C-alpha atoms as a PDB file:
ATOM      1  CA  ILE A   1       0.000   0.000   0.000  1.00  0.00           C
ATOM      2  CA  ASN A   2       1.554   3.249  -1.119  1.00  0.00           C
ATOM      3  CA  LEU A   3       1.812   6.403   0.946  1.00  0.00           C
ATOM      4  CA  GLY A   4      -1.285   8.515   0.404  1.00  0.00           C
ATOM      5  CA  SER A   5      -3.577   5.566  -0.292  1.00  0.00           C
ATOM      6  CA  ALA A   6      -6.820   5.185   1.621  1.00  0.00           C
ATOM      7  CA  VAL A   7      -7.107   2.029   3.702  1.00  0.00           C
ATOM      8  CA  CYS A   8     -10.234   0.249   4.913  1.00  0.00           C
ATOM      9  CA  LEU A   9     -10.112  -2.601   7.436  1.00  0.00           C
ATOM     10  CA  ARG A  10     -13.096  -4.896   7.804  1.00  0.00           C
ATOM     11  CA  ALA A  11     -13.314  -7.210  10.791  1.00  0.00           C
ATOM     12  CA  GLN A  12     -15.759 -10.032  11.368  1.00  0.00           C
ATOM     13  CA  VAL A  13     -15.974 -12.497  14.237  1.00  0.00           C
ATOM     14  CA  THR A  14     -16.006 -15.912  12.567  1.00  0.00           C
ATOM     15  CA  ARG A  15     -16.402 -18.112  15.643  1.00  0.00           C
ATOM     16  CA  ALA A  16     -16.566 -17.846  19.405  1.00  0.00           C
ATOM     17  CA  PHE A  17     -15.010 -20.615  21.469  1.00  0.00           C
ATOM     18  CA  ASN A  18     -15.052 -20.790  25.280  1.00  0.00           C
ATOM     19  CA  THR A  19     -13.075 -17.666  26.195  1.00  0.00           C
ATOM     20  CA  SER A  20     -11.622 -16.777  22.803  1.00  0.00           C
ATOM     21  CA  MET A  21     -12.875 -15.712  19.419  1.00  0.00           C
ATOM     22  CA  GLU A  22     -11.472 -15.834  15.916  1.00  0.00           C
ATOM     23  CA  VAL A  23     -11.695 -12.609  13.919  1.00  0.00           C
ATOM     24  CA  HIS A  24     -11.200 -12.384  10.141  1.00  0.00           C
ATOM     25  CA  ILE A  25      -9.688  -9.067   9.090  1.00  0.00           C
ATOM     26  CA  SER A  26      -9.420  -7.964   5.475  1.00  0.00           C
ATOM     27  CA  VAL A  27      -7.590  -4.878   4.250  1.00  0.00           C
ATOM     28  CA  GLU A  28      -8.707  -2.979   1.159  1.00  0.00           C
ATOM     29  CA  ALA A  29      -6.648  -0.107  -0.194  1.00  0.00           C
ATOM     30  CA  GLU A  30      -7.444   2.581  -2.707  1.00  0.00           C
ATOM     31  CA  ASP A  31      -4.994   4.593  -4.766  1.00  0.00           C
ATOM     32  CA  ILE A  32      -6.876   7.882  -4.647  1.00  0.00           C
ATOM     33  CA  VAL A  33      -5.111   9.425  -7.656  1.00  0.00           C
ATOM     34  CA  LYS A  34      -5.645   6.427  -9.942  1.00  0.00           C
ATOM     35  CA  GLN A  35      -9.040   5.624  -8.395  1.00  0.00           C
ATOM     36  CA  HIS A  36      -7.995   2.000  -8.098  1.00  0.00           C
ATOM     37  CA  LYS A  37      -9.219  -0.223  -5.222  1.00  0.00           C
ATOM     38  CA  PHE A  38      -7.573  -3.531  -4.376  1.00  0.00           C
ATOM     39  CA  ASN A  39      -7.540  -6.165  -1.664  1.00  0.00           C
ATOM     40  CA  SER A  40      -4.219  -5.929   0.107  1.00  0.00           C
ATOM     41  CA  HIS A  41      -4.197  -8.395   2.997  1.00  0.00           C
ATOM     42  CA  THR A  42      -6.359 -10.858   4.868  1.00  0.00           C
ATOM     43  CA  ALA A  43      -5.700 -12.583   8.185  1.00  0.00           C
ATOM     44  CA  PHE A  44      -7.296 -14.459  11.042  1.00  0.00           C
ATOM     45  CA  PHE A  45      -6.642 -13.226  14.573  1.00  0.00           C
ATOM     46  CA  THR A  46      -7.493 -14.866  17.879  1.00  0.00           C
ATOM     47  CA  PHE A  47      -8.533 -12.718  20.819  1.00  0.00           C
ATOM     48  CA  VAL A  48      -9.193 -13.813  24.395  1.00  0.00           C
ATOM     49  CA  ALA A  49     -11.933 -12.064  26.370  1.00  0.00           C
ATOM     50  CA  LEU A  50     -10.775 -10.786  29.764  1.00  0.00           C
ATOM     51  CA  ASP A  51     -12.812  -9.813  32.799  1.00  0.00           C
ATOM     52  CA  ASP A  52     -12.142  -6.840  35.104  1.00  0.00           C
ATOM     53  CA  GLU A  53      -9.346  -8.812  36.789  1.00  0.00           C
ATOM     54  CA  ASN A  54      -7.672  -9.640  33.443  1.00  0.00           C
ATOM     55  CA  LYS A  55      -8.696 -13.295  33.676  1.00  0.00           C
ATOM     56  CA  PRO A  56     -10.189 -15.123  30.666  1.00  0.00           C
ATOM     57  CA  THR A  57     -13.976 -14.930  30.655  1.00  0.00           C
ATOM     58  CA  LYS A  58     -16.659 -16.746  28.682  1.00  0.00           C
ATOM     59  CA  VAL A  59     -17.767 -15.227  25.375  1.00  0.00           C
ATOM     60  CA  PRO A  60     -21.286 -15.523  23.946  1.00  0.00           C
ATOM     61  CA  GLU A  61     -22.002 -18.095  21.262  1.00  0.00           C
ATOM     62  CA  LEU A  62     -21.908 -16.974  17.637  1.00  0.00           C
ATOM     63  CA  VAL A  63     -24.629 -18.105  15.250  1.00  0.00           C
ATOM     64  CA  PRO A  64     -23.604 -17.844  11.578  1.00  0.00           C
ATOM     65  CA  GLU A  65     -26.394 -16.822   9.213  1.00  0.00           C
ATOM     66  CA  THR A  66     -25.138 -16.563   5.632  1.00  0.00           C
ATOM     67  CA  GLN A  67     -23.455 -19.328   3.629  1.00  0.00           C
ATOM     68  CA  GLU A  68     -20.141 -17.440   3.784  1.00  0.00           C
ATOM     69  CA  GLU A  69     -20.455 -17.069   7.580  1.00  0.00           C
ATOM     70  CA  ILE A  70     -21.219 -20.786   7.913  1.00  0.00           C
ATOM     71  CA  ILE A  71     -18.107 -21.756   5.924  1.00  0.00           C
ATOM     72  CA  LEU A  72     -15.888 -19.405   7.972  1.00  0.00           C
ATOM     73  CA  TYR A  73     -17.473 -20.737  11.177  1.00  0.00           C
ATOM     74  CA  GLU A  74     -16.951 -24.405  10.307  1.00  0.00           C
ATOM     75  CA  ASN A  75     -13.360 -23.904   9.157  1.00  0.00           C
ATOM     76  CA  ALA A  76     -12.512 -21.855  12.258  1.00  0.00           C
ATOM     77  CA  GLN A  77     -12.420 -25.061  14.315  1.00  0.00           C
ATOM     78  CA  LYS A  78      -9.816 -26.535  11.954  1.00  0.00           C
ATOM     79  CA  ARG A  79      -7.714 -23.358  12.041  1.00  0.00           C
ATOM     80  CA  ARG A  80      -7.918 -23.391  15.845  1.00  0.00           C
ATOM     81  CA  GLN A  81      -6.750 -26.984  16.035  1.00  0.00           C
ATOM     82  CA  ILE A  82      -3.799 -26.230  13.746  1.00  0.00           C
ATOM     83  CA  ARG A  83      -2.832 -23.247  15.948  1.00  0.00           C
ATOM     84  CA  LEU A  84      -3.041 -25.426  19.080  1.00  0.00           C
ATOM     85  CA  ILE A  85      -0.929 -28.173  17.510  1.00  0.00           C
ATOM     86  CA  MET A  86       1.691 -25.612  16.448  1.00  0.00           C
ATOM     87  CA  ALA A  87       1.703 -24.160  19.986  1.00  0.00           C
ATOM     88  CA  GLY A  88       2.244 -27.630  21.441  1.00  0.00           C
ATOM     89  CA  ARG A  89      -1.086 -27.577  23.316  1.00  0.00           C
ATOM     90  CA  TYR A  90      -2.707 -30.265  21.116  1.00  0.00           C
ATOM     91  CA  THR A  91      -1.458 -33.433  19.528  1.00  0.00           C
ATOM     92  CA  PRO A  92      -2.643 -34.462  16.065  1.00  0.00           C
ATOM     93  CA  LYS A  93      -4.741 -37.155  17.778  1.00  0.00           C
ATOM     94  CA  ASP A  94      -6.597 -34.438  19.752  1.00  0.00           C
ATOM     95  CA  ALA A  95      -7.530 -32.590  16.540  1.00  0.00           C
ATOM     96  CA  LYS A  96     -10.545 -34.676  15.551  1.00  0.00           C
ATOM     97  CA  GLU A  97     -11.460 -32.518  12.541  1.00  0.00           C
ATOM     98  CA  LEU A  98      -7.914 -32.973  11.215  1.00  0.00           C
ATOM     99  CA  ASN A  99      -7.426 -36.699  11.920  1.00  0.00           C
ATOM    100  CA  HIS A 100      -7.727 -37.554   8.225  1.00  0.00           C
ATOM    101  CA  ILE A 101      -4.779 -35.252   7.453  1.00  0.00           C
ATOM    102  CA  PHE A 102      -2.578 -36.841  10.110  1.00  0.00           C
ATOM    103  CA  GLY A 103      -3.702 -40.411   9.369  1.00  0.00           C
ATOM    104  CA  VAL A 104      -5.126 -40.876  12.873  1.00  0.00           C
ATOM    105  CA  ASN A 105      -7.936 -43.387  13.343  1.00  0.00           C
ATOM    106  CA  ASN A 106     -10.356 -42.965  16.239  1.00  0.00           C
END
């Protein structure tokens, strides 16, 4: 994104877990002079809800409504399991939605 371009960030909660939520953020930029808009970046972030004492607290359930929201919601569980495996908090056997990738039989 060049200096002087306009930038728009769009954020959408894709799934709420127990105390965390996954948020999809997309970045759209516009070259004002050339009047050209383009998608620049997209990413998934995980945020943990904290109470007044900075301890994790439960988040409300998310109910997807559109087909796109449903797809993001369903795939969020897989992305979460991959993150937990990479962080060493899950084993491939724990990641039930990913067992077919790791060749694990239940």
